[in-house]
């Protein structure tokens, strides 16, 4: 039994308490030479899309990604203390990550809109990075389209872990974009109503399984084991 488990980060594993919006604002200021007058629109978008949308929302031409990437990296550097002071790990997360990491046959990584460096900052601030194989995850620098990240992660994981092509994949996330990414790529989805999107909205997006958060470890692991057996 093998299963690829891909976790979103913000509002799925952690509450970043506004630090993400501050990172985007700082990157925008560095790139545009002016402070933003409108906040970044996130909700499951990738960093490539978030930065482009911020510039368009301000009537500006989006920067080249090779310029935006180092600006995002610089804006996220050293934010661990802010995350620790203001943010938090969401209920049940540490236990869920530990259980999946210890489950034979399950490969646990991330599928996140964050660029890799900032994903490590967020996870490392709370010691969650050690419970995931971040070397094979998919990140916001890989594509503007969140759904495209699924195949990125599949390819990386299959190469490292020598998996068969039909190994099932499950995304665990909190937005309709997570649900859409799973449905359009043949992956499974466990949606969490732990962010700004409620259970009804996530079900309307197409999620069959919606949990309030990761507190019910038994229910989560029963479902993941069922997926691994298919």
C-alpha atoms as a PDB file:
ATOM      1  CA  UNK A   1       0.000   0.000   0.000  1.00  0.00           C
ATOM      2  CA  UNK A   2       1.484   3.323  -1.079  1.00  0.00           C
ATOM      3  CA  UNK A   3       0.000   6.816  -0.851  1.00  0.00           C
ATOM      4  CA  UNK A   4       1.355  10.271  -1.664  1.00  0.00           C
ATOM      5  CA  UNK A   5       0.045  12.805   0.876  1.00  0.00           C
ATOM      6  CA  UNK A   6       0.470  16.478  -0.061  1.00  0.00           C
ATOM      7  CA  UNK A   7      -0.300  19.160   2.511  1.00  0.00           C
ATOM      8  CA  UNK A   8      -1.148  22.797   2.013  1.00  0.00           C
ATOM      9  CA  UNK A   9       0.489  25.070   4.612  1.00  0.00           C
ATOM     10  CA  UNK A  10      -1.391  28.307   5.350  1.00  0.00           C
ATOM     11  CA  UNK A  11      -4.706  27.756   7.169  1.00  0.00           C
ATOM     12  CA  UNK A  12      -4.216  23.998   6.818  1.00  0.00           C
ATOM     13  CA  UNK A  13      -1.149  23.447   9.000  1.00  0.00           C
ATOM     14  CA  UNK A  14      -0.584  26.910  10.477  1.00  0.00           C
ATOM     15  CA  UNK A  15      -2.260  30.248  11.039  1.00  0.00           C
ATOM     16  CA  UNK A  16       0.330  32.772   9.860  1.00  0.00           C
ATOM     17  CA  UNK A  17      -1.494  35.682  11.575  1.00  0.00           C
ATOM     18  CA  UNK A  18      -1.034  38.084   8.685  1.00  0.00           C
ATOM     19  CA  UNK A  19       2.694  37.478   8.175  1.00  0.00           C
ATOM     20  CA  UNK A  20       2.053  36.244   4.620  1.00  0.00           C
ATOM     21  CA  UNK A  21       0.292  39.475   3.644  1.00  0.00           C
ATOM     22  CA  UNK A  22       3.227  41.410   5.095  1.00  0.00           C
ATOM     23  CA  UNK A  23       5.695  39.367   3.029  1.00  0.00           C
ATOM     24  CA  UNK A  24       3.783  40.118  -0.164  1.00  0.00           C
ATOM     25  CA  UNK A  25       3.521  43.804   0.726  1.00  0.00           C
ATOM     26  CA  UNK A  26       7.268  44.021   1.360  1.00  0.00           C
ATOM     27  CA  UNK A  27       8.080  42.240  -1.900  1.00  0.00           C
ATOM     28  CA  UNK A  28       5.701  44.504  -3.811  1.00  0.00           C
ATOM     29  CA  UNK A  29       7.285  47.604  -2.283  1.00  0.00           C
ATOM     30  CA  UNK A  30      10.777  46.428  -3.215  1.00  0.00           C
ATOM     31  CA  UNK A  31       9.739  45.663  -6.788  1.00  0.00           C
ATOM     32  CA  UNK A  32       7.401  48.586  -7.480  1.00  0.00           C
ATOM     33  CA  UNK A  33       9.167  51.267  -5.469  1.00  0.00           C
ATOM     34  CA  UNK A  34       5.932  52.104  -3.669  1.00  0.00           C
ATOM     35  CA  UNK A  35       3.863  50.578  -0.902  1.00  0.00           C
ATOM     36  CA  UNK A  36       0.717  48.703  -1.944  1.00  0.00           C
ATOM     37  CA  UNK A  37      -2.647  50.350  -1.364  1.00  0.00           C
ATOM     38  CA  UNK A  38      -4.494  47.031  -1.671  1.00  0.00           C
ATOM     39  CA  UNK A  39      -3.601  43.769   0.106  1.00  0.00           C
ATOM     40  CA  UNK A  40      -2.527  40.611  -1.662  1.00  0.00           C
ATOM     41  CA  UNK A  41      -5.301  38.219  -2.677  1.00  0.00           C
ATOM     42  CA  UNK A  42      -4.281  34.756  -1.521  1.00  0.00           C
ATOM     43  CA  UNK A  43      -6.900  32.001  -0.827  1.00  0.00           C
ATOM     44  CA  UNK A  44      -4.999  29.165  -2.465  1.00  0.00           C
ATOM     45  CA  UNK A  45      -3.235  31.169  -5.165  1.00  0.00           C
ATOM     46  CA  UNK A  46       0.433  30.503  -5.917  1.00  0.00           C
ATOM     47  CA  UNK A  47       3.097  33.134  -5.269  1.00  0.00           C
ATOM     48  CA  UNK A  48       3.543  33.595  -9.012  1.00  0.00           C
ATOM     49  CA  UNK A  49      -0.136  34.465  -9.373  1.00  0.00           C
ATOM     50  CA  UNK A  50      -0.324  36.525  -6.180  1.00  0.00           C
ATOM     51  CA  UNK A  51       2.481  38.871  -7.192  1.00  0.00           C
ATOM     52  CA  UNK A  52       1.169  39.230 -10.748  1.00  0.00           C
ATOM     53  CA  UNK A  53      -2.330  39.980  -9.458  1.00  0.00           C
ATOM     54  CA  UNK A  54      -1.002  42.547  -6.968  1.00  0.00           C
ATOM     55  CA  UNK A  55       0.652  44.484  -9.754  1.00  0.00           C
ATOM     56  CA  UNK A  56      -2.406  44.287 -11.993  1.00  0.00           C
ATOM     57  CA  UNK A  57      -4.626  45.386  -9.089  1.00  0.00           C
ATOM     58  CA  UNK A  58      -2.457  48.515  -8.857  1.00  0.00           C
ATOM     59  CA  UNK A  59      -2.532  49.170 -12.607  1.00  0.00           C
ATOM     60  CA  UNK A  60       1.084  48.093 -13.040  1.00  0.00           C
ATOM     61  CA  UNK A  61       2.804  45.635 -15.329  1.00  0.00           C
ATOM     62  CA  UNK A  62       3.780  42.487 -13.405  1.00  0.00           C
ATOM     63  CA  UNK A  63       7.524  41.984 -12.950  1.00  0.00           C
ATOM     64  CA  UNK A  64       9.467  39.138 -14.485  1.00  0.00           C
ATOM     65  CA  UNK A  65       9.466  36.115 -12.211  1.00  0.00           C
ATOM     66  CA  UNK A  66      13.260  36.090 -12.015  1.00  0.00           C
ATOM     67  CA  UNK A  67      12.957  39.515 -10.344  1.00  0.00           C
ATOM     68  CA  UNK A  68       9.947  38.651  -8.169  1.00  0.00           C
ATOM     69  CA  UNK A  69      11.452  35.463  -6.729  1.00  0.00           C
ATOM     70  CA  UNK A  70      14.432  37.055  -4.927  1.00  0.00           C
ATOM     71  CA  UNK A  71      12.160  39.860  -3.674  1.00  0.00           C
ATOM     72  CA  UNK A  72       9.840  37.277  -2.107  1.00  0.00           C
ATOM     73  CA  UNK A  73      12.777  35.402  -0.629  1.00  0.00           C
ATOM     74  CA  UNK A  74      14.180  38.576   0.919  1.00  0.00           C
ATOM     75  CA  UNK A  75      10.765  39.578   2.282  1.00  0.00           C
ATOM     76  CA  UNK A  76      10.297  36.189   3.940  1.00  0.00           C
ATOM     77  CA  UNK A  77      13.777  35.890   5.413  1.00  0.00           C
ATOM     78  CA  UNK A  78      13.958  36.091   9.185  1.00  0.00           C
ATOM     79  CA  UNK A  79      10.203  36.062   9.770  1.00  0.00           C
ATOM     80  CA  UNK A  80      10.332  33.044  12.075  1.00  0.00           C
ATOM     81  CA  UNK A  81      10.152  35.172  15.208  1.00  0.00           C
ATOM     82  CA  UNK A  82       7.033  36.970  13.961  1.00  0.00           C
ATOM     83  CA  UNK A  83       5.386  33.655  13.133  1.00  0.00           C
ATOM     84  CA  UNK A  84       6.222  32.196  16.535  1.00  0.00           C
ATOM     85  CA  UNK A  85       5.047  35.299  18.374  1.00  0.00           C
ATOM     86  CA  UNK A  86       1.810  35.866  16.459  1.00  0.00           C
ATOM     87  CA  UNK A  87       0.960  32.657  14.615  1.00  0.00           C
ATOM     88  CA  UNK A  88       0.142  29.126  15.718  1.00  0.00           C
ATOM     89  CA  UNK A  89       0.004  25.510  14.661  1.00  0.00           C
ATOM     90  CA  UNK A  90      -3.607  24.552  13.961  1.00  0.00           C
ATOM     91  CA  UNK A  91      -5.415  21.872  16.024  1.00  0.00           C
ATOM     92  CA  UNK A  92      -4.273  18.295  15.499  1.00  0.00           C
ATOM     93  CA  UNK A  93      -1.600  19.200  12.961  1.00  0.00           C
ATOM     94  CA  UNK A  94       1.483  17.986  14.766  1.00  0.00           C
ATOM     95  CA  UNK A  95      -0.119  14.651  15.611  1.00  0.00           C
ATOM     96  CA  UNK A  96      -1.444  14.199  12.057  1.00  0.00           C
ATOM     97  CA  UNK A  97       1.918  14.928  10.421  1.00  0.00           C
ATOM     98  CA  UNK A  98       3.663  12.570  12.830  1.00  0.00           C
ATOM     99  CA  UNK A  99       1.145   9.785  12.198  1.00  0.00           C
ATOM    100  CA  UNK A 100       1.444  10.040   8.415  1.00  0.00           C
ATOM    101  CA  UNK A 101       5.255  10.239   8.601  1.00  0.00           C
ATOM    102  CA  UNK A 102       5.310   7.021  10.626  1.00  0.00           C
ATOM    103  CA  UNK A 103       2.759   5.151   8.496  1.00  0.00           C
ATOM    104  CA  UNK A 104       4.432   2.547   6.323  1.00  0.00           C
ATOM    105  CA  UNK A 105       3.910   3.227   2.629  1.00  0.00           C
ATOM    106  CA  UNK A 106       2.883   6.884   2.959  1.00  0.00           C
ATOM    107  CA  UNK A 107       5.060   9.638   1.518  1.00  0.00           C
ATOM    108  CA  UNK A 108       4.305  13.011   3.108  1.00  0.00           C
ATOM    109  CA  UNK A 109       5.243  16.327   1.509  1.00  0.00           C
ATOM    110  CA  UNK A 110       3.695  19.693   0.602  1.00  0.00           C
ATOM    111  CA  UNK A 111       1.751  21.219  -2.228  1.00  0.00           C
ATOM    112  CA  UNK A 112       1.782  24.910  -1.454  1.00  0.00           C
ATOM    113  CA  UNK A 113       1.493  28.265  -3.165  1.00  0.00           C
ATOM    114  CA  UNK A 114       4.488  29.480  -1.157  1.00  0.00           C
ATOM    115  CA  UNK A 115       7.911  29.532  -2.737  1.00  0.00           C
ATOM    116  CA  UNK A 116      10.141  26.835  -1.234  1.00  0.00           C
ATOM    117  CA  UNK A 117      12.278  29.159   0.914  1.00  0.00           C
ATOM    118  CA  UNK A 118       9.267  30.792   2.535  1.00  0.00           C
ATOM    119  CA  UNK A 119       7.528  27.448   3.009  1.00  0.00           C
ATOM    120  CA  UNK A 120      10.563  26.312   4.984  1.00  0.00           C
ATOM    121  CA  UNK A 121      10.486  29.508   7.041  1.00  0.00           C
ATOM    122  CA  UNK A 122       6.843  28.943   7.978  1.00  0.00           C
ATOM    123  CA  UNK A 123       7.184  25.254   8.755  1.00  0.00           C
ATOM    124  CA  UNK A 124      10.557  25.620  10.443  1.00  0.00           C
ATOM    125  CA  UNK A 125       9.254  28.301  12.798  1.00  0.00           C
ATOM    126  CA  UNK A 126       7.048  25.661  14.410  1.00  0.00           C
ATOM    127  CA  UNK A 127       9.296  22.623  13.955  1.00  0.00           C
ATOM    128  CA  UNK A 128       6.991  21.027  11.401  1.00  0.00           C
ATOM    129  CA  UNK A 129       9.611  20.786   8.660  1.00  0.00           C
ATOM    130  CA  UNK A 130      11.161  17.659  10.207  1.00  0.00           C
ATOM    131  CA  UNK A 131       7.862  15.787   9.751  1.00  0.00           C
ATOM    132  CA  UNK A 132       7.753  16.266   5.957  1.00  0.00           C
ATOM    133  CA  UNK A 133       9.977  15.464   2.981  1.00  0.00           C
ATOM    134  CA  UNK A 134      10.230  18.985   1.615  1.00  0.00           C
ATOM    135  CA  UNK A 135      12.738  17.996  -1.060  1.00  0.00           C
ATOM    136  CA  UNK A 136       9.958  16.468  -3.175  1.00  0.00           C
ATOM    137  CA  UNK A 137       7.168  18.986  -2.641  1.00  0.00           C
ATOM    138  CA  UNK A 138       5.621  21.368  -5.159  1.00  0.00           C
ATOM    139  CA  UNK A 139       5.882  25.111  -4.583  1.00  0.00           C
ATOM    140  CA  UNK A 140       4.649  28.461  -5.803  1.00  0.00           C
ATOM    141  CA  UNK A 141       7.675  29.006  -8.022  1.00  0.00           C
ATOM    142  CA  UNK A 142       6.852  25.882 -10.019  1.00  0.00           C
ATOM    143  CA  UNK A 143       3.719  27.267 -11.703  1.00  0.00           C
ATOM    144  CA  UNK A 144       1.139  30.037 -11.505  1.00  0.00           C
ATOM    145  CA  UNK A 145      -1.552  27.330 -11.697  1.00  0.00           C
ATOM    146  CA  UNK A 146      -2.050  25.382  -8.468  1.00  0.00           C
ATOM    147  CA  UNK A 147      -3.405  22.348 -10.318  1.00  0.00           C
ATOM    148  CA  UNK A 148      -0.158  22.093 -12.283  1.00  0.00           C
ATOM    149  CA  UNK A 149       1.699  21.601  -9.007  1.00  0.00           C
ATOM    150  CA  UNK A 150       0.154  18.149  -8.582  1.00  0.00           C
ATOM    151  CA  UNK A 151       2.086  16.673 -11.496  1.00  0.00           C
ATOM    152  CA  UNK A 152       5.230  18.495 -10.348  1.00  0.00           C
ATOM    153  CA  UNK A 153       5.009  16.772  -6.959  1.00  0.00           C
ATOM    154  CA  UNK A 154       4.073  13.415  -8.538  1.00  0.00           C
ATOM    155  CA  UNK A 155       7.119  13.522 -10.803  1.00  0.00           C
ATOM    156  CA  UNK A 156       9.524  14.458  -8.019  1.00  0.00           C
ATOM    157  CA  UNK A 157       8.193  11.859  -5.597  1.00  0.00           C
ATOM    158  CA  UNK A 158       8.102   9.025  -8.133  1.00  0.00           C
ATOM    159  CA  UNK A 159      11.702   9.717  -9.112  1.00  0.00           C
ATOM    160  CA  UNK A 160      12.991   9.679  -5.532  1.00  0.00           C
ATOM    161  CA  UNK A 161      10.801   6.904  -4.125  1.00  0.00           C
ATOM    162  CA  UNK A 162      10.630   4.716  -7.262  1.00  0.00           C
ATOM    163  CA  UNK A 163       6.833   4.578  -7.225  1.00  0.00           C
ATOM    164  CA  UNK A 164       4.506   3.151  -9.844  1.00  0.00           C
ATOM    165  CA  UNK A 165       2.619   5.584 -12.054  1.00  0.00           C
ATOM    166  CA  UNK A 166      -0.750   4.744 -10.527  1.00  0.00           C
ATOM    167  CA  UNK A 167       0.227   5.469  -6.910  1.00  0.00           C
ATOM    168  CA  UNK A 168      -2.713   7.438  -5.470  1.00  0.00           C
ATOM    169  CA  UNK A 169      -2.283  11.056  -4.414  1.00  0.00           C
ATOM    170  CA  UNK A 170      -4.312  12.955  -1.834  1.00  0.00           C
ATOM    171  CA  UNK A 171      -4.241  16.703  -1.268  1.00  0.00           C
ATOM    172  CA  UNK A 172      -5.083  18.105   2.156  1.00  0.00           C
ATOM    173  CA  UNK A 173      -6.046  21.779   1.985  1.00  0.00           C
ATOM    174  CA  UNK A 174      -8.529  24.437   2.969  1.00  0.00           C
ATOM    175  CA  UNK A 175      -9.594  26.239  -0.208  1.00  0.00           C
ATOM    176  CA  UNK A 176     -11.707  25.550  -3.298  1.00  0.00           C
ATOM    177  CA  UNK A 177      -8.477  25.847  -5.294  1.00  0.00           C
ATOM    178  CA  UNK A 178      -7.129  22.815  -3.434  1.00  0.00           C
ATOM    179  CA  UNK A 179     -10.318  20.939  -4.300  1.00  0.00           C
ATOM    180  CA  UNK A 180     -10.128  22.001  -7.951  1.00  0.00           C
ATOM    181  CA  UNK A 181      -6.446  21.014  -8.171  1.00  0.00           C
ATOM    182  CA  UNK A 182      -7.275  17.522  -6.921  1.00  0.00           C
ATOM    183  CA  UNK A 183     -10.340  16.975  -9.091  1.00  0.00           C
ATOM    184  CA  UNK A 184      -8.712  18.146 -12.326  1.00  0.00           C
ATOM    185  CA  UNK A 185      -5.613  15.977 -11.858  1.00  0.00           C
ATOM    186  CA  UNK A 186      -7.198  12.745 -10.673  1.00  0.00           C
ATOM    187  CA  UNK A 187      -6.017  13.167  -7.087  1.00  0.00           C
ATOM    188  CA  UNK A 188      -8.094  12.715  -3.950  1.00  0.00           C
ATOM    189  CA  UNK A 189      -8.920  15.573  -1.594  1.00  0.00           C
ATOM    190  CA  UNK A 190      -9.404  15.964   2.133  1.00  0.00           C
ATOM    191  CA  UNK A 191     -10.750  19.491   2.557  1.00  0.00           C
ATOM    192  CA  UNK A 192     -10.460  21.300   5.868  1.00  0.00           C
ATOM    193  CA  UNK A 193     -12.838  24.063   6.967  1.00  0.00           C
ATOM    194  CA  UNK A 194      -9.981  25.538   8.994  1.00  0.00           C
ATOM    195  CA  UNK A 195      -9.538  28.679   6.907  1.00  0.00           C
ATOM    196  CA  UNK A 196     -11.948  31.246   5.507  1.00  0.00           C
ATOM    197  CA  UNK A 197     -13.961  28.722   3.489  1.00  0.00           C
ATOM    198  CA  UNK A 198     -16.744  26.837   5.259  1.00  0.00           C
ATOM    199  CA  UNK A 199     -17.835  23.228   4.848  1.00  0.00           C
ATOM    200  CA  UNK A 200     -20.692  24.054   2.458  1.00  0.00           C
ATOM    201  CA  UNK A 201     -18.435  26.042   0.148  1.00  0.00           C
ATOM    202  CA  UNK A 202     -15.840  23.271   0.047  1.00  0.00           C
ATOM    203  CA  UNK A 203     -18.490  20.639  -0.691  1.00  0.00           C
ATOM    204  CA  UNK A 204     -19.930  22.819  -3.455  1.00  0.00           C
ATOM    205  CA  UNK A 205     -16.437  22.973  -4.935  1.00  0.00           C
ATOM    206  CA  UNK A 206     -16.519  19.172  -5.169  1.00  0.00           C
ATOM    207  CA  UNK A 207     -14.964  17.855  -1.954  1.00  0.00           C
ATOM    208  CA  UNK A 208     -16.502  14.600  -0.707  1.00  0.00           C
ATOM    209  CA  UNK A 209     -14.567  14.618   2.566  1.00  0.00           C
ATOM    210  CA  UNK A 210     -14.600  17.826   4.623  1.00  0.00           C
ATOM    211  CA  UNK A 211     -13.254  17.964   8.169  1.00  0.00           C
ATOM    212  CA  UNK A 212     -13.411  20.964  10.516  1.00  0.00           C
ATOM    213  CA  UNK A 213      -9.665  20.599  11.174  1.00  0.00           C
ATOM    214  CA  UNK A 214      -7.164  17.814  11.870  1.00  0.00           C
ATOM    215  CA  UNK A 215      -8.255  17.134  15.444  1.00  0.00           C
ATOM    216  CA  UNK A 216      -9.884  13.780  14.636  1.00  0.00           C
ATOM    217  CA  UNK A 217      -6.731  11.800  13.915  1.00  0.00           C
ATOM    218  CA  UNK A 218      -8.515   8.445  13.814  1.00  0.00           C
ATOM    219  CA  UNK A 219     -10.961   9.605  11.131  1.00  0.00           C
ATOM    220  CA  UNK A 220      -8.136  11.045   9.043  1.00  0.00           C
ATOM    221  CA  UNK A 221      -5.970   7.942   9.211  1.00  0.00           C
ATOM    222  CA  UNK A 222      -8.873   5.580   8.459  1.00  0.00           C
ATOM    223  CA  UNK A 223      -9.604   7.574   5.301  1.00  0.00           C
ATOM    224  CA  UNK A 224      -5.970   7.755   4.208  1.00  0.00           C
ATOM    225  CA  UNK A 225      -5.508   4.010   4.699  1.00  0.00           C
ATOM    226  CA  UNK A 226      -8.586   3.373   2.587  1.00  0.00           C
ATOM    227  CA  UNK A 227      -7.125   5.489  -0.210  1.00  0.00           C
ATOM    228  CA  UNK A 228      -3.829   3.618   0.007  1.00  0.00           C
ATOM    229  CA  UNK A 229      -5.632   0.288  -0.473  1.00  0.00           C
ATOM    230  CA  UNK A 230      -7.370   1.341  -3.679  1.00  0.00           C
END
